[in-house]
Amino acid sequence: MHREAEIAAGEMLRMAWIKGNGECPLPVEPQRIAQDLGLKYYVADLGRDLSGMLVRPPNHDAEIHVNRDDSEARRRFSCAHELGHYVLQSPEEGLPNDEGGGHVFFRSPLSEMGTDRAEVWANGFAAALLMPRALVETLRKESSAIVILAGRFSVSVEAMRFRLQSLGLLMR
């Protein structure tokens, strides 16, 4: 499942972010990618227990909402996570879509528990989108300081640590 999310994120980066010369500018800006794909992006008051959501209203453009009270790094990850739901639920993926009825997908603290396959997939997609494997591997050789790497990718130290572990670049 992580491999599929990694591949999908790589495809999105190639399609929507990587420049013609093959350069992947850092940090990856999921908000711009979302907007370039035609999704509307909002920073909103979502309450304490909700980090983000993907809203697919019937017959309208999809919308990503992230919590204004979260840190910028958290909002970026939430946006990338919701992009993962968007990709996972796209008709071309052969998965359910709004079928005219609309759907809402939430990123809550429960999404980090690893019990829901769609949430695990969206988290893997978000990590791969914001911290592309090849760049993480290259920059890891230049710096072993997780805080410096997190700054380069504009993610939290926790997200960077988890990504390094998942790529086998950090001992547990």
Protein backbone atom coordinates (compact mmCIF):
# COMPACT_ATOMS: atom_id res chain seq x y z
CA MET A 1 0.00 0.00 0.00
CA HIS A 2 2.85 2.41 0.79
CA ARG A 3 4.44 1.65 -2.57
CA GLU A 4 1.26 2.63 -4.43
CA ALA A 5 1.01 5.88 -2.47
CA GLU A 6 4.68 6.62 -3.18
CA ILE A 7 4.16 6.01 -6.91
CA ALA A 8 1.02 8.17 -7.02
CA ALA A 9 2.79 11.02 -5.22
CA GLY A 10 5.72 10.77 -7.63
CA GLU A 11 3.36 10.97 -10.58
CA MET A 12 1.65 14.02 -9.11
CA LEU A 13 5.02 15.70 -8.54
CA ARG A 14 6.07 15.02 -12.13
CA MET A 15 2.76 16.26 -13.47
CA ALA A 16 2.20 19.30 -11.27
CA TRP A 17 5.43 20.39 -9.61
CA ILE A 18 8.71 19.26 -11.18
CA LYS A 19 10.09 21.71 -13.70
CA GLY A 20 10.98 20.84 -17.27
CA ASN A 21 14.65 20.41 -16.30
CA GLY A 22 13.71 17.70 -13.80
CA GLU A 23 14.25 19.96 -10.79
CA CYS A 24 11.92 19.52 -7.82
CA PRO A 25 11.90 22.88 -6.02
CA LEU A 26 11.68 22.75 -2.24
CA PRO A 27 9.54 23.04 -0.37
CA VAL A 28 6.82 21.34 -2.36
CA GLU A 29 3.71 23.50 -2.06
CA PRO A 30 0.65 21.24 -1.86
CA GLN A 31 -1.67 24.25 -1.80
CA ARG A 32 -0.43 25.38 -5.21
CA ILE A 33 -0.64 21.85 -6.58
CA ALA A 34 -4.23 21.60 -5.35
CA GLN A 35 -5.16 24.93 -6.91
CA ASP A 36 -3.40 24.05 -10.17
CA LEU A 37 -5.49 20.86 -10.28
CA GLY A 38 -8.66 22.95 -9.94
CA LEU A 39 -9.33 22.29 -6.26
CA LYS A 40 -10.30 25.18 -4.05
CA TYR A 41 -8.12 25.66 -0.96
CA TYR A 42 -9.33 27.21 2.30
CA VAL A 43 -7.79 27.86 5.70
CA ALA A 44 -10.75 27.72 8.09
CA ASP A 45 -11.85 27.25 11.68
CA LEU A 46 -12.31 23.48 11.89
CA GLY A 47 -12.27 23.13 15.67
CA ARG A 48 -9.78 21.33 17.89
CA ASP A 49 -10.17 17.80 16.59
CA LEU A 50 -10.03 18.29 12.84
CA SER A 51 -6.89 19.08 10.83
CA GLY A 52 -8.35 19.05 7.36
CA MET A 53 -11.01 17.78 5.03
CA LEU A 54 -11.66 17.17 1.37
CA VAL A 55 -15.13 18.20 0.30
CA ARG A 56 -16.47 16.95 -3.02
CA PRO A 57 -19.75 18.80 -3.50
CA PRO A 58 -21.97 17.44 -6.25
CA ASN A 59 -21.33 19.13 -9.60
CA HIS A 60 -18.71 21.53 -8.16
CA ASP A 61 -14.94 21.64 -7.83
CA ALA A 62 -13.48 19.71 -4.92
CA GLU A 63 -12.36 21.75 -1.93
CA ILE A 64 -9.60 21.27 0.61
CA HIS A 65 -10.08 22.88 4.02
CA VAL A 66 -7.27 22.97 6.59
CA ASN A 67 -7.39 24.13 10.20
CA ARG A 68 -6.23 27.70 10.67
CA ASP A 69 -5.19 26.90 14.25
CA ASP A 70 -2.64 24.28 13.13
CA SER A 71 0.99 25.14 12.44
CA GLU A 72 1.98 25.89 8.86
CA ALA A 73 3.79 22.53 8.68
CA ARG A 74 0.66 20.73 9.88
CA ARG A 75 -1.54 22.60 7.38
CA ARG A 76 0.83 21.66 4.56
CA PHE A 77 0.73 17.99 5.57
CA SER A 78 -3.06 18.10 5.93
CA CYS A 79 -3.38 19.61 2.45
CA ALA A 80 -1.10 16.92 0.99
CA HIS A 81 -3.07 14.26 2.88
CA GLU A 82 -6.34 15.54 1.39
CA LEU A 83 -4.72 15.56 -2.06
CA GLY A 84 -4.06 11.89 -1.39
CA HIS A 85 -7.75 11.32 -0.78
CA TYR A 86 -8.52 13.24 -3.96
CA VAL A 87 -6.20 10.99 -5.98
CA LEU A 88 -7.45 7.84 -4.27
CA GLN A 89 -11.06 8.76 -4.94
CA SER A 90 -10.61 9.95 -8.54
CA PRO A 91 -12.69 8.18 -11.18
CA GLU A 92 -9.60 7.45 -13.28
CA GLU A 93 -8.24 5.43 -10.37
CA GLY A 94 -11.27 3.17 -10.65
CA LEU A 95 -12.32 3.99 -7.09
CA PRO A 96 -15.56 5.47 -5.79
CA ASN A 97 -16.12 9.13 -6.49
CA ASP A 98 -18.89 11.55 -5.67
CA GLU A 99 -21.30 10.10 -8.28
CA GLY A 100 -23.16 13.40 -8.05
CA GLY A 101 -23.92 12.96 -4.36
CA GLY A 102 -20.85 14.53 -2.79
CA HIS A 103 -18.44 13.27 -0.13
CA VAL A 104 -16.41 14.70 2.74
CA PHE A 105 -13.12 13.12 3.85
CA PHE A 106 -11.68 14.21 7.21
CA ARG A 107 -8.12 14.32 8.54
CA SER A 108 -8.48 13.95 12.27
CA PRO A 109 -6.15 12.67 15.01
CA LEU A 110 -7.62 9.22 14.36
CA SER A 111 -6.05 9.22 10.88
CA GLU A 112 -2.65 8.82 12.52
CA MET A 113 -3.60 5.60 14.31
CA GLY A 114 -2.96 3.45 11.24
CA THR A 115 -6.21 1.51 11.36
CA ASP A 116 -8.01 2.85 8.27
CA ARG A 117 -6.49 1.83 4.92
CA ALA A 118 -7.54 5.04 3.13
CA GLU A 119 -6.04 7.15 5.92
CA VAL A 120 -2.79 5.17 5.91
CA TRP A 121 -2.62 5.56 2.11
CA ALA A 122 -3.29 9.31 2.29
CA ASN A 123 -0.61 9.73 4.98
CA GLY A 124 1.90 7.81 2.85
CA PHE A 125 0.96 9.92 -0.17
CA ALA A 126 1.39 13.15 1.82
CA ALA A 127 4.80 12.10 3.13
CA ALA A 128 6.00 11.11 -0.35
CA LEU A 129 4.64 14.30 -1.91
CA LEU A 130 6.21 16.66 0.63
CA MET A 131 9.41 14.65 1.13
CA PRO A 132 10.22 12.95 -2.18
CA ARG A 133 12.34 9.84 -1.67
CA ALA A 134 15.22 10.83 -3.97
CA LEU A 135 15.56 14.27 -2.42
CA VAL A 136 15.38 12.90 1.11
CA GLU A 137 18.10 10.37 0.30
CA THR A 138 20.32 13.03 -1.30
CA LEU A 139 19.87 15.65 1.40
CA ARG A 140 20.27 13.06 4.17
CA LYS A 141 23.82 12.52 2.91
CA GLU A 142 24.49 16.26 3.31
CA SER A 143 23.02 16.59 6.79
CA SER A 144 22.25 14.17 9.56
CA ALA A 145 20.35 16.78 11.58
CA ILE A 146 16.64 16.00 11.38
CA VAL A 147 15.71 19.57 12.30
CA ILE A 148 17.70 20.90 9.31
CA LEU A 149 16.08 18.41 6.96
CA ALA A 150 12.64 19.26 8.34
CA GLY A 151 13.36 22.92 7.62
CA ARG A 152 14.43 22.18 4.03
CA PHE A 153 11.18 20.32 3.37
CA SER A 154 9.04 22.66 5.54
CA VAL A 155 7.62 19.77 7.55
CA SER A 156 7.55 19.04 11.25
CA VAL A 157 10.49 17.31 12.88
CA GLU A 158 8.12 14.45 13.72
CA ALA A 159 7.06 14.05 10.06
CA MET A 160 10.70 14.15 8.93
CA ARG A 161 11.73 11.57 11.52
CA PHE A 162 8.89 9.26 10.47
CA ARG A 163 9.80 9.65 6.77
CA LEU A 164 13.46 8.87 7.44
CA GLN A 165 12.46 5.78 9.42
CA SER A 166 10.08 4.58 6.73
CA LEU A 167 12.85 4.94 4.11
CA GLY A 168 15.32 3.05 6.31
CA LEU A 169 17.51 6.14 6.72
CA LEU A 170 17.15 6.41 10.48
CA MET A 171 17.55 3.81 13.15
CA ARG A 172 14.58 3.49 15.49
